[in-house]
Amino acid sequence: MNEKLFQAFSNPCRREIIRMLRWKSMSAGEIAGHFAMAQPSVSRHLDVLKRAGAVNVQKQGTQMIYSLNLRALQEMMIYVSQLLIGKEGKIDRDDDLV
């Protein structure tokens, strides 16, 4: 599993960017407009998401358009569900834990 993907999700700003991209692709400027921080800071967050594989980027004219990389997010969901589900298809529990 891509550790960078989990690290990318550790930041609340990056999680908000993921939420924003759920329904539509957006330009870097549109994304930055939703935050009370400088655009270079938002660009750094977008770069972290891009390097982790959480988002795809396409250049359209002078704009960079960001969209979710659904394949990477699905793989992350599968990985997390496999951590929780045992070999028999049941949720692992350790009844001895207090």
N, C-alpha and C. Protein backbone atom coordinates (compact mmCIF):
# COMPACT_ATOMS: atom_id res chain seq x y z
N MET A 1 0.85 -1.19 0.00
CA MET A 1 0.00 0.00 0.00
C MET A 1 0.88 1.24 0.00
N ASN A 2 0.43 2.26 -0.64
CA ASN A 2 1.16 3.51 -0.77
C ASN A 2 1.09 4.31 0.53
N GLU A 3 2.19 4.32 1.28
CA GLU A 3 2.24 5.05 2.55
C GLU A 3 2.03 6.55 2.35
N LYS A 4 2.46 7.07 1.19
CA LYS A 4 2.30 8.50 0.92
C LYS A 4 0.82 8.88 0.88
N LEU A 5 -0.02 7.95 0.45
CA LEU A 5 -1.45 8.22 0.39
C LEU A 5 -2.01 8.42 1.79
N PHE A 6 -1.62 7.56 2.72
CA PHE A 6 -2.08 7.72 4.10
C PHE A 6 -1.54 9.00 4.72
N GLN A 7 -0.29 9.32 4.43
CA GLN A 7 0.30 10.56 4.95
C GLN A 7 -0.42 11.77 4.37
N ALA A 8 -0.80 11.71 3.11
CA ALA A 8 -1.51 12.82 2.49
C ALA A 8 -2.85 13.07 3.18
N PHE A 9 -3.50 12.02 3.62
CA PHE A 9 -4.80 12.14 4.28
C PHE A 9 -4.68 12.58 5.74
N SER A 10 -3.47 12.70 6.24
CA SER A 10 -3.29 13.07 7.65
C SER A 10 -3.54 14.56 7.90
N ASN A 11 -3.60 15.34 6.85
CA ASN A 11 -3.76 16.79 7.00
C ASN A 11 -5.21 17.20 6.71
N PRO A 12 -5.84 17.99 7.61
CA PRO A 12 -7.24 18.38 7.40
C PRO A 12 -7.47 19.21 6.13
N CYS A 13 -6.51 20.02 5.75
CA CYS A 13 -6.65 20.80 4.52
C CYS A 13 -6.72 19.88 3.31
N ARG A 14 -5.86 18.88 3.28
CA ARG A 14 -5.86 17.95 2.15
C ARG A 14 -7.13 17.09 2.14
N ARG A 15 -7.63 16.73 3.31
CA ARG A 15 -8.90 15.99 3.35
C ARG A 15 -10.03 16.86 2.82
N GLU A 16 -10.00 18.15 3.09
CA GLU A 16 -11.02 19.06 2.58
C GLU A 16 -10.92 19.17 1.06
N ILE A 17 -9.72 19.21 0.54
CA ILE A 17 -9.55 19.25 -0.92
C ILE A 17 -10.15 17.99 -1.54
N ILE A 18 -9.92 16.83 -0.92
CA ILE A 18 -10.52 15.58 -1.42
C ILE A 18 -12.03 15.69 -1.41
N ARG A 19 -12.60 16.23 -0.32
CA ARG A 19 -14.06 16.40 -0.27
C ARG A 19 -14.55 17.31 -1.39
N MET A 20 -13.82 18.37 -1.65
CA MET A 20 -14.21 19.32 -2.70
C MET A 20 -14.20 18.67 -4.09
N LEU A 21 -13.30 17.75 -4.31
CA LEU A 21 -13.16 17.12 -5.62
C LEU A 21 -14.07 15.91 -5.81
N ARG A 22 -14.89 15.60 -4.80
CA ARG A 22 -15.77 14.42 -4.90
C ARG A 22 -16.67 14.47 -6.12
N TRP A 23 -17.24 15.63 -6.42
CA TRP A 23 -18.27 15.72 -7.44
C TRP A 23 -17.83 16.38 -8.73
N LYS A 24 -16.70 17.13 -8.68
CA LYS A 24 -16.27 17.78 -9.92
C LYS A 24 -14.78 18.09 -9.86
N SER A 25 -14.19 18.18 -11.02
CA SER A 25 -12.81 18.62 -11.14
C SER A 25 -12.76 20.12 -10.94
N MET A 26 -11.64 20.59 -10.42
CA MET A 26 -11.51 22.03 -10.14
C MET A 26 -10.10 22.49 -10.48
N SER A 27 -10.00 23.77 -10.81
CA SER A 27 -8.68 24.34 -11.05
C SER A 27 -8.01 24.64 -9.71
N ALA A 28 -6.71 24.82 -9.75
CA ALA A 28 -5.97 25.15 -8.53
C ALA A 28 -6.50 26.45 -7.93
N GLY A 29 -6.82 27.42 -8.77
CA GLY A 29 -7.35 28.69 -8.29
C GLY A 29 -8.70 28.54 -7.60
N GLU A 30 -9.58 27.71 -8.17
CA GLU A 30 -10.88 27.46 -7.55
C GLU A 30 -10.71 26.82 -6.18
N ILE A 31 -9.79 25.87 -6.10
CA ILE A 31 -9.55 25.19 -4.83
C ILE A 31 -8.99 26.19 -3.82
N ALA A 32 -8.02 26.98 -4.24
CA ALA A 32 -7.40 27.95 -3.33
C ALA A 32 -8.41 28.96 -2.82
N GLY A 33 -9.41 29.29 -3.63
CA GLY A 33 -10.44 30.25 -3.24
C GLY A 33 -11.28 29.81 -2.06
N HIS A 34 -11.24 28.53 -1.72
CA HIS A 34 -12.02 28.00 -0.61
C HIS A 34 -11.26 28.05 0.72
N PHE A 35 -10.01 28.49 0.68
CA PHE A 35 -9.18 28.47 1.88
C PHE A 35 -8.70 29.87 2.25
N ALA A 36 -8.53 30.09 3.53
CA ALA A 36 -8.01 31.36 4.04
C ALA A 36 -6.50 31.24 4.22
N MET A 37 -5.82 30.82 3.18
CA MET A 37 -4.36 30.73 3.21
C MET A 37 -3.84 31.15 1.84
N ALA A 38 -2.58 31.43 1.78
CA ALA A 38 -1.98 31.86 0.52
C ALA A 38 -2.02 30.74 -0.51
N GLN A 39 -2.16 31.12 -1.78
CA GLN A 39 -2.24 30.13 -2.85
C GLN A 39 -1.02 29.22 -2.90
N PRO A 40 0.20 29.71 -2.63
CA PRO A 40 1.34 28.79 -2.63
C PRO A 40 1.20 27.67 -1.59
N SER A 41 0.57 27.97 -0.46
CA SER A 41 0.35 26.93 0.57
C SER A 41 -0.61 25.87 0.05
N VAL A 42 -1.68 26.32 -0.60
CA VAL A 42 -2.65 25.37 -1.18
C VAL A 42 -1.96 24.56 -2.27
N SER A 43 -1.12 25.20 -3.06
CA SER A 43 -0.40 24.49 -4.12
C SER A 43 0.50 23.40 -3.55
N ARG A 44 1.10 23.66 -2.40
CA ARG A 44 1.93 22.62 -1.77
C ARG A 44 1.07 21.44 -1.34
N HIS A 45 -0.12 21.71 -0.80
CA HIS A 45 -1.03 20.63 -0.43
C HIS A 45 -1.45 19.83 -1.66
N LEU A 46 -1.73 20.53 -2.75
CA LEU A 46 -2.10 19.84 -3.99
C LEU A 46 -0.95 18.98 -4.51
N ASP A 47 0.26 19.48 -4.36
CA ASP A 47 1.42 18.71 -4.79
C ASP A 47 1.58 17.43 -3.97
N VAL A 48 1.34 17.53 -2.66
CA VAL A 48 1.41 16.33 -1.80
C VAL A 48 0.38 15.31 -2.26
N LEU A 49 -0.84 15.77 -2.53
CA LEU A 49 -1.90 14.86 -2.99
C LEU A 49 -1.53 14.24 -4.35
N LYS A 50 -0.94 15.03 -5.22
CA LYS A 50 -0.54 14.54 -6.53
C LYS A 50 0.57 13.49 -6.40
N ARG A 51 1.59 13.77 -5.60
CA ARG A 51 2.70 12.82 -5.43
C ARG A 51 2.24 11.53 -4.77
N ALA A 52 1.20 11.63 -3.92
CA ALA A 52 0.66 10.44 -3.26
C ALA A 52 -0.25 9.64 -4.18
N GLY A 53 -0.64 10.23 -5.30
CA GLY A 53 -1.51 9.54 -6.24
C GLY A 53 -2.99 9.72 -5.94
N ALA A 54 -3.33 10.62 -5.03
CA ALA A 54 -4.74 10.82 -4.66
C ALA A 54 -5.50 11.64 -5.70
N VAL A 55 -4.78 12.48 -6.44
CA VAL A 55 -5.43 13.31 -7.45
C VAL A 55 -4.67 13.19 -8.77
N ASN A 56 -5.41 13.43 -9.83
CA ASN A 56 -4.84 13.53 -11.18
C ASN A 56 -4.83 15.01 -11.55
N VAL A 57 -3.88 15.38 -12.40
CA VAL A 57 -3.77 16.77 -12.82
C VAL A 57 -3.67 16.81 -14.35
N GLN A 58 -4.47 17.71 -14.93
CA GLN A 58 -4.41 17.93 -16.37
C GLN A 58 -4.25 19.43 -16.62
N LYS A 59 -3.42 19.76 -17.58
CA LYS A 59 -3.26 21.16 -17.94
C LYS A 59 -4.28 21.50 -19.02
N GLN A 60 -5.07 22.55 -18.76
CA GLN A 60 -6.03 23.05 -19.74
C GLN A 60 -5.72 24.52 -19.95
N GLY A 61 -5.07 24.81 -21.05
CA GLY A 61 -4.63 26.18 -21.29
C GLY A 61 -3.58 26.56 -20.27
N THR A 62 -3.88 27.59 -19.49
CA THR A 62 -2.94 28.03 -18.46
C THR A 62 -3.29 27.48 -17.09
N GLN A 63 -4.38 26.72 -17.01
CA GLN A 63 -4.84 26.21 -15.71
C GLN A 63 -4.47 24.75 -15.50
N MET A 64 -4.26 24.42 -14.24
CA MET A 64 -4.07 23.03 -13.84
C MET A 64 -5.40 22.57 -13.24
N ILE A 65 -5.96 21.51 -13.78
CA ILE A 65 -7.26 21.00 -13.34
C ILE A 65 -7.02 19.72 -12.55
N TYR A 66 -7.57 19.70 -11.34
CA TYR A 66 -7.39 18.57 -10.41
C TYR A 66 -8.67 17.76 -10.35
N SER A 67 -8.50 16.44 -10.32
CA SER A 67 -9.63 15.52 -10.14
C SER A 67 -9.15 14.37 -9.26
N LEU A 68 -10.10 13.68 -8.66
CA LEU A 68 -9.76 12.55 -7.81
C LEU A 68 -9.24 11.39 -8.65
N ASN A 69 -8.26 10.70 -8.11
CA ASN A 69 -7.79 9.45 -8.71
C ASN A 69 -8.57 8.34 -8.01
N LEU A 70 -9.71 8.01 -8.58
CA LEU A 70 -10.61 7.05 -7.94
C LEU A 70 -9.98 5.68 -7.76
N ARG A 71 -9.13 5.29 -8.68
CA ARG A 71 -8.49 3.98 -8.57
C ARG A 71 -7.63 3.91 -7.31
N ALA A 72 -6.84 4.94 -7.06
CA ALA A 72 -5.98 4.95 -5.86
C ALA A 72 -6.83 4.96 -4.60
N LEU A 73 -7.92 5.72 -4.61
CA LEU A 73 -8.77 5.78 -3.43
C LEU A 73 -9.49 4.46 -3.20
N GLN A 74 -9.89 3.78 -4.26
CA GLN A 74 -10.51 2.46 -4.12
C GLN A 74 -9.51 1.46 -3.55
N GLU A 75 -8.28 1.50 -4.03
CA GLU A 75 -7.26 0.60 -3.51
C GLU A 75 -7.02 0.86 -2.02
N MET A 76 -7.06 2.13 -1.62
CA MET A 76 -6.90 2.46 -0.21
C MET A 76 -8.05 1.90 0.62
N MET A 77 -9.27 2.03 0.10
CA MET A 77 -10.44 1.50 0.80
C MET A 77 -10.36 -0.02 0.93
N ILE A 78 -9.94 -0.69 -0.12
CA ILE A 78 -9.79 -2.14 -0.07
C ILE A 78 -8.75 -2.53 0.97
N TYR A 79 -7.64 -1.82 0.98
CA TYR A 79 -6.57 -2.11 1.94
C TYR A 79 -7.07 -1.96 3.37
N VAL A 80 -7.78 -0.87 3.64
CA VAL A 80 -8.30 -0.63 5.00
C VAL A 80 -9.31 -1.71 5.36
N SER A 81 -10.19 -2.07 4.43
CA SER A 81 -11.20 -3.10 4.74
C SER A 81 -10.52 -4.44 5.00
N GLN A 82 -9.43 -4.74 4.30
CA GLN A 82 -8.71 -5.99 4.54
C GLN A 82 -8.03 -5.99 5.90
N LEU A 83 -7.65 -4.83 6.39
CA LEU A 83 -7.10 -4.75 7.74
C LEU A 83 -8.14 -5.11 8.79
N LEU A 84 -9.39 -4.78 8.49
CA LEU A 84 -10.47 -4.98 9.47
C LEU A 84 -11.15 -6.34 9.34
N ILE A 85 -11.08 -6.94 8.18
CA ILE A 85 -11.78 -8.20 7.94
C ILE A 85 -10.79 -9.35 7.99
N GLY A 86 -11.13 -10.37 8.75
CA GLY A 86 -10.26 -11.54 8.88
C GLY A 86 -10.35 -12.46 7.69
N LYS A 87 -9.65 -13.56 7.76
CA LYS A 87 -9.60 -14.52 6.66
C LYS A 87 -10.96 -15.16 6.39
N GLU A 88 -11.80 -15.24 7.41
CA GLU A 88 -13.11 -15.85 7.24
C GLU A 88 -14.16 -14.86 6.78
N GLY A 89 -13.75 -13.63 6.46
CA GLY A 89 -14.71 -12.62 6.01
C GLY A 89 -15.43 -11.96 7.16
N LYS A 90 -14.94 -12.15 8.38
CA LYS A 90 -15.57 -11.55 9.55
C LYS A 90 -14.64 -10.48 10.11
N ILE A 91 -15.22 -9.54 10.79
CA ILE A 91 -14.42 -8.49 11.42
C ILE A 91 -13.57 -9.11 12.50
N ASP A 92 -12.26 -8.84 12.45
CA ASP A 92 -11.35 -9.33 13.47
C ASP A 92 -11.64 -8.65 14.79
N ARG A 93 -11.67 -9.43 15.83
CA ARG A 93 -11.83 -8.88 17.19
C ARG A 93 -10.89 -9.62 18.11
N ASP A 94 -10.37 -8.88 19.03
CA ASP A 94 -9.56 -9.51 20.07
C ASP A 94 -10.31 -9.27 21.37
N ASP A 95 -11.09 -10.27 21.78
CA ASP A 95 -11.93 -10.12 22.98
C ASP A 95 -11.12 -9.96 24.25
N ASP A 96 -9.82 -10.24 24.19
CA ASP A 96 -8.98 -10.11 25.36
C ASP A 96 -8.54 -8.67 25.60
N LEU A 97 -8.77 -7.80 24.60
CA LEU A 97 -8.37 -6.40 24.79
C LEU A 97 -9.27 -5.72 25.79
N VAL A 98 -8.71 -4.90 26.62
CA VAL A 98 -9.51 -4.18 27.63
C VAL A 98 -9.52 -2.73 27.30
